[in-house]
Amino acid sequence: MITPIETTYAGHRFRSRLEARWAVFFDRLGLEWEYEPQGYVVSGRPYLPDFRITLPTGERVFAEVKNADVGEHEGEHVDLCRALADGAELPVLLLTGIPAHRLYHQFTPGLSASSFTAAFFHDYGRKLTTADQYWFQTVELDEATGVLKFTHDERGLTESFGEGLVQAVTAARSARFEHGETP
């Protein structure tokens, strides 16, 4: 097993660089976030969600960050996200891998055990949108990973999701944490 590297960013000590990259992403996108704000008992066991994000509308969403190797459709982490959404009565995003232009699983309170919604980030309005039929037409399935990615080129990404999102993804992906560098 590979051990994640603890990383400091914005006064927080993250358990992994991946979590720190998401914090960079949230900062660049202008989202207010709290890292590991509070633990909960979920399905009879302790659970500490990675982030609680406050959208510009004041709505709150939990976000759980996982390595890209983790399955997005099933497993203990999916069950915990679903149970947290029901218990806290807030949506929970499952953010797998580094920030990208793609759809992420979103678990909402009361959602049946066999379903999920998909959400994506952009740099306008509430900055997080649940995908509908229109948006599902603009993604393609990566057969190897099961990830739904937007098919837009860079110009299309900027037009559809805003320059701020493109910059936030770039900043998160290129962030350097070694030797005291500041992302």
Protein backbone atom coordinates (compact mmCIF):
# COMPACT_ATOMS: atom_id res chain seq x y z
CA MET A 1 0.00 0.00 0.00
CA ILE A 2 1.23 3.49 -0.85
CA THR A 3 1.04 5.98 2.02
CA PRO A 4 -0.31 9.47 1.18
CA ILE A 5 1.94 12.45 1.93
CA GLU A 6 0.57 14.81 4.56
CA THR A 7 0.57 18.34 3.14
CA THR A 8 0.16 21.81 4.62
CA TYR A 9 -1.86 24.43 2.76
CA ALA A 10 -3.78 27.52 3.94
CA GLY A 11 -2.99 26.78 7.58
CA HIS A 12 -4.36 23.23 7.46
CA ARG A 13 -2.50 19.95 7.64
CA PHE A 14 -4.17 17.70 5.07
CA ARG A 15 -3.91 13.94 5.22
CA SER A 16 -2.91 13.86 1.54
CA ARG A 17 -1.76 16.07 -1.32
CA LEU A 18 -4.94 15.14 -3.12
CA GLU A 19 -7.03 16.78 -0.38
CA ALA A 20 -4.75 19.85 -0.51
CA ARG A 21 -5.25 20.06 -4.29
CA TRP A 22 -9.02 20.15 -3.75
CA ALA A 23 -8.56 22.98 -1.23
CA VAL A 24 -6.57 24.90 -3.88
CA PHE A 25 -9.40 24.24 -6.34
CA PHE A 26 -12.07 25.49 -3.91
CA ASP A 27 -10.01 28.62 -3.15
CA ARG A 28 -9.46 29.45 -6.82
CA LEU A 29 -13.14 28.91 -7.56
CA GLY A 30 -14.07 31.22 -4.68
CA LEU A 31 -15.83 28.62 -2.55
CA GLU A 32 -15.77 28.77 1.24
CA TRP A 33 -14.60 25.45 2.69
CA GLU A 34 -13.91 23.83 6.04
CA TYR A 35 -11.54 20.89 6.34
CA GLU A 36 -12.73 17.99 8.51
CA PRO A 37 -15.18 20.30 10.31
CA GLN A 38 -16.91 17.73 12.48
CA GLY A 39 -17.13 13.99 12.95
CA TYR A 40 -20.37 12.03 12.82
CA VAL A 41 -21.55 8.57 13.72
CA VAL A 42 -22.71 7.09 10.42
CA SER A 43 -24.10 3.57 10.19
CA GLY A 44 -22.90 2.95 13.73
CA ARG A 45 -19.30 4.01 13.18
CA PRO A 46 -17.30 7.24 13.41
CA TYR A 47 -16.94 9.15 10.15
CA LEU A 48 -15.08 12.40 9.45
CA PRO A 49 -16.01 13.99 6.10
CA ASP A 50 -13.12 15.72 4.35
CA PHE A 51 -14.79 19.05 3.50
CA ARG A 52 -17.91 21.05 4.13
CA ILE A 53 -18.35 23.57 1.33
CA THR A 54 -20.57 26.64 1.51
CA LEU A 55 -21.91 27.69 -1.89
CA PRO A 56 -22.50 31.39 -2.71
CA THR A 57 -26.21 30.83 -2.04
CA GLY A 58 -25.42 29.78 1.54
CA GLU A 59 -26.21 26.13 0.82
CA ARG A 60 -23.84 23.61 2.34
CA VAL A 61 -22.49 20.44 0.75
CA PHE A 62 -20.14 17.82 2.15
CA ALA A 63 -17.31 16.55 -0.05
CA GLU A 64 -15.40 13.31 0.38
CA VAL A 65 -12.09 13.08 -1.50
CA LYS A 66 -10.84 9.70 -2.68
CA ASN A 67 -7.98 8.48 -4.84
CA ALA A 68 -8.86 7.87 -8.49
CA ASP A 69 -8.31 4.14 -7.94
CA VAL A 70 -11.37 3.96 -5.68
CA GLY A 71 -14.58 2.80 -7.34
CA GLU A 72 -17.20 5.50 -7.70
CA HIS A 73 -20.24 3.23 -7.91
CA GLU A 74 -19.92 0.88 -4.96
CA GLY A 75 -18.00 0.18 -1.81
CA GLU A 76 -17.84 1.26 1.79
CA HIS A 77 -17.08 4.90 0.88
CA VAL A 78 -20.23 5.09 -1.29
CA ASP A 79 -22.33 3.63 1.55
CA LEU A 80 -20.86 6.16 3.99
CA CYS A 81 -21.51 9.09 1.63
CA ARG A 82 -25.11 7.95 1.16
CA ALA A 83 -25.63 7.50 4.93
CA LEU A 84 -24.06 10.91 5.69
CA ALA A 85 -26.37 12.60 3.18
CA ASP A 86 -29.40 11.02 4.86
CA GLY A 87 -28.21 11.65 8.43
CA ALA A 88 -26.99 15.23 7.96
CA GLU A 89 -29.72 16.04 5.42
CA LEU A 90 -27.12 17.62 3.13
CA PRO A 91 -25.81 16.58 -0.28
CA VAL A 92 -22.46 14.74 -0.31
CA LEU A 93 -20.09 14.88 -3.28
CA LEU A 94 -17.70 12.00 -3.93
CA LEU A 95 -14.66 13.68 -5.48
CA THR A 96 -12.41 11.00 -6.95
CA GLY A 97 -9.01 11.93 -8.29
CA ILE A 98 -7.64 15.40 -8.90
CA PRO A 99 -10.01 18.20 -9.95
CA ALA A 100 -11.09 17.88 -13.58
CA HIS A 101 -13.76 18.95 -16.03
CA ARG A 102 -16.16 16.11 -15.33
CA LEU A 103 -19.23 14.91 -13.49
CA TYR A 104 -18.91 13.77 -9.86
CA HIS A 105 -21.24 11.53 -7.91
CA GLN A 106 -23.59 13.43 -5.64
CA PHE A 107 -25.64 11.70 -2.96
CA THR A 108 -28.69 13.59 -1.77
CA PRO A 109 -30.90 12.94 1.25
CA GLY A 110 -33.56 10.33 0.61
CA LEU A 111 -32.00 9.01 -2.61
CA SER A 112 -32.62 5.31 -3.12
CA ALA A 113 -29.78 2.91 -2.35
CA SER A 114 -29.21 2.04 -6.00
CA SER A 115 -29.07 5.56 -7.43
CA PHE A 116 -27.07 8.78 -7.37
CA THR A 117 -27.11 12.12 -9.10
CA ALA A 118 -24.20 13.71 -10.89
CA ALA A 119 -22.93 17.24 -10.31
CA PHE A 120 -20.27 19.51 -11.79
CA PHE A 121 -18.55 22.76 -10.89
CA HIS A 122 -18.55 26.06 -12.83
CA ASP A 123 -17.58 29.63 -11.97
CA TYR A 124 -21.01 31.33 -11.96
CA GLY A 125 -24.20 31.29 -9.85
CA ARG A 126 -24.14 28.71 -7.08
CA LYS A 127 -20.97 27.17 -8.66
CA LEU A 128 -22.30 23.61 -8.44
CA THR A 129 -25.00 22.18 -10.68
CA THR A 130 -26.77 18.85 -10.73
CA ALA A 131 -26.52 17.45 -14.24
CA ASP A 132 -29.70 17.02 -16.21
CA GLN A 133 -30.41 15.41 -19.58
CA TYR A 134 -28.83 18.33 -21.45
CA TRP A 135 -25.50 17.99 -19.62
CA PHE A 136 -25.44 14.20 -19.94
CA GLN A 137 -25.39 14.70 -23.71
CA THR A 138 -22.09 16.60 -23.42
CA VAL A 139 -20.08 13.91 -21.61
CA GLU A 140 -18.42 10.70 -22.67
CA LEU A 141 -17.71 7.64 -20.60
CA ASP A 142 -14.06 6.71 -20.08
CA GLU A 143 -14.35 2.92 -20.44
CA ALA A 144 -11.20 2.30 -18.37
CA THR A 145 -12.23 4.35 -15.34
CA GLY A 146 -16.00 4.74 -15.59
CA VAL A 147 -15.60 8.54 -15.34
CA LEU A 148 -17.98 10.84 -17.22
CA LYS A 149 -15.85 13.62 -18.74
CA PHE A 150 -16.98 16.67 -20.65
CA THR A 151 -16.00 16.50 -24.32
CA HIS A 152 -15.45 20.24 -24.68
CA ASP A 153 -12.15 21.62 -25.96
CA GLU A 154 -10.48 24.39 -23.92
CA ARG A 155 -12.50 27.13 -25.62
CA GLY A 156 -15.72 25.18 -25.05
CA LEU A 157 -14.85 24.58 -21.39
CA THR A 158 -14.32 28.31 -20.89
CA GLU A 159 -17.58 29.18 -22.67
CA SER A 160 -19.65 26.55 -20.84
CA PHE A 161 -18.14 26.61 -17.35
CA GLY A 162 -16.25 29.91 -17.15
CA GLU A 163 -12.62 30.97 -17.17
CA GLY A 164 -12.59 30.72 -13.36
CA LEU A 165 -13.26 26.98 -13.46
CA VAL A 166 -10.57 26.38 -16.08
CA GLN A 167 -8.11 28.34 -13.93
CA ALA A 168 -9.16 26.51 -10.74
CA VAL A 169 -8.60 23.09 -12.35
CA THR A 170 -5.23 24.21 -13.73
CA ALA A 171 -4.15 25.65 -10.36
CA ALA A 172 -5.12 22.48 -8.47
CA ARG A 173 -3.39 20.20 -10.98
CA SER A 174 -0.19 22.26 -11.05
CA ALA A 175 0.03 23.09 -7.33
CA ARG A 176 3.46 22.37 -5.84
CA PHE A 177 3.80 21.77 -2.13
CA GLU A 178 7.46 20.77 -1.92
CA HIS A 179 10.20 22.81 -0.31
CA GLY A 180 7.86 25.47 1.04
CA GLU A 181 6.46 26.39 -2.40
CA THR A 182 3.09 28.12 -2.35
CA PRO A 183 0.50 26.87 -4.85
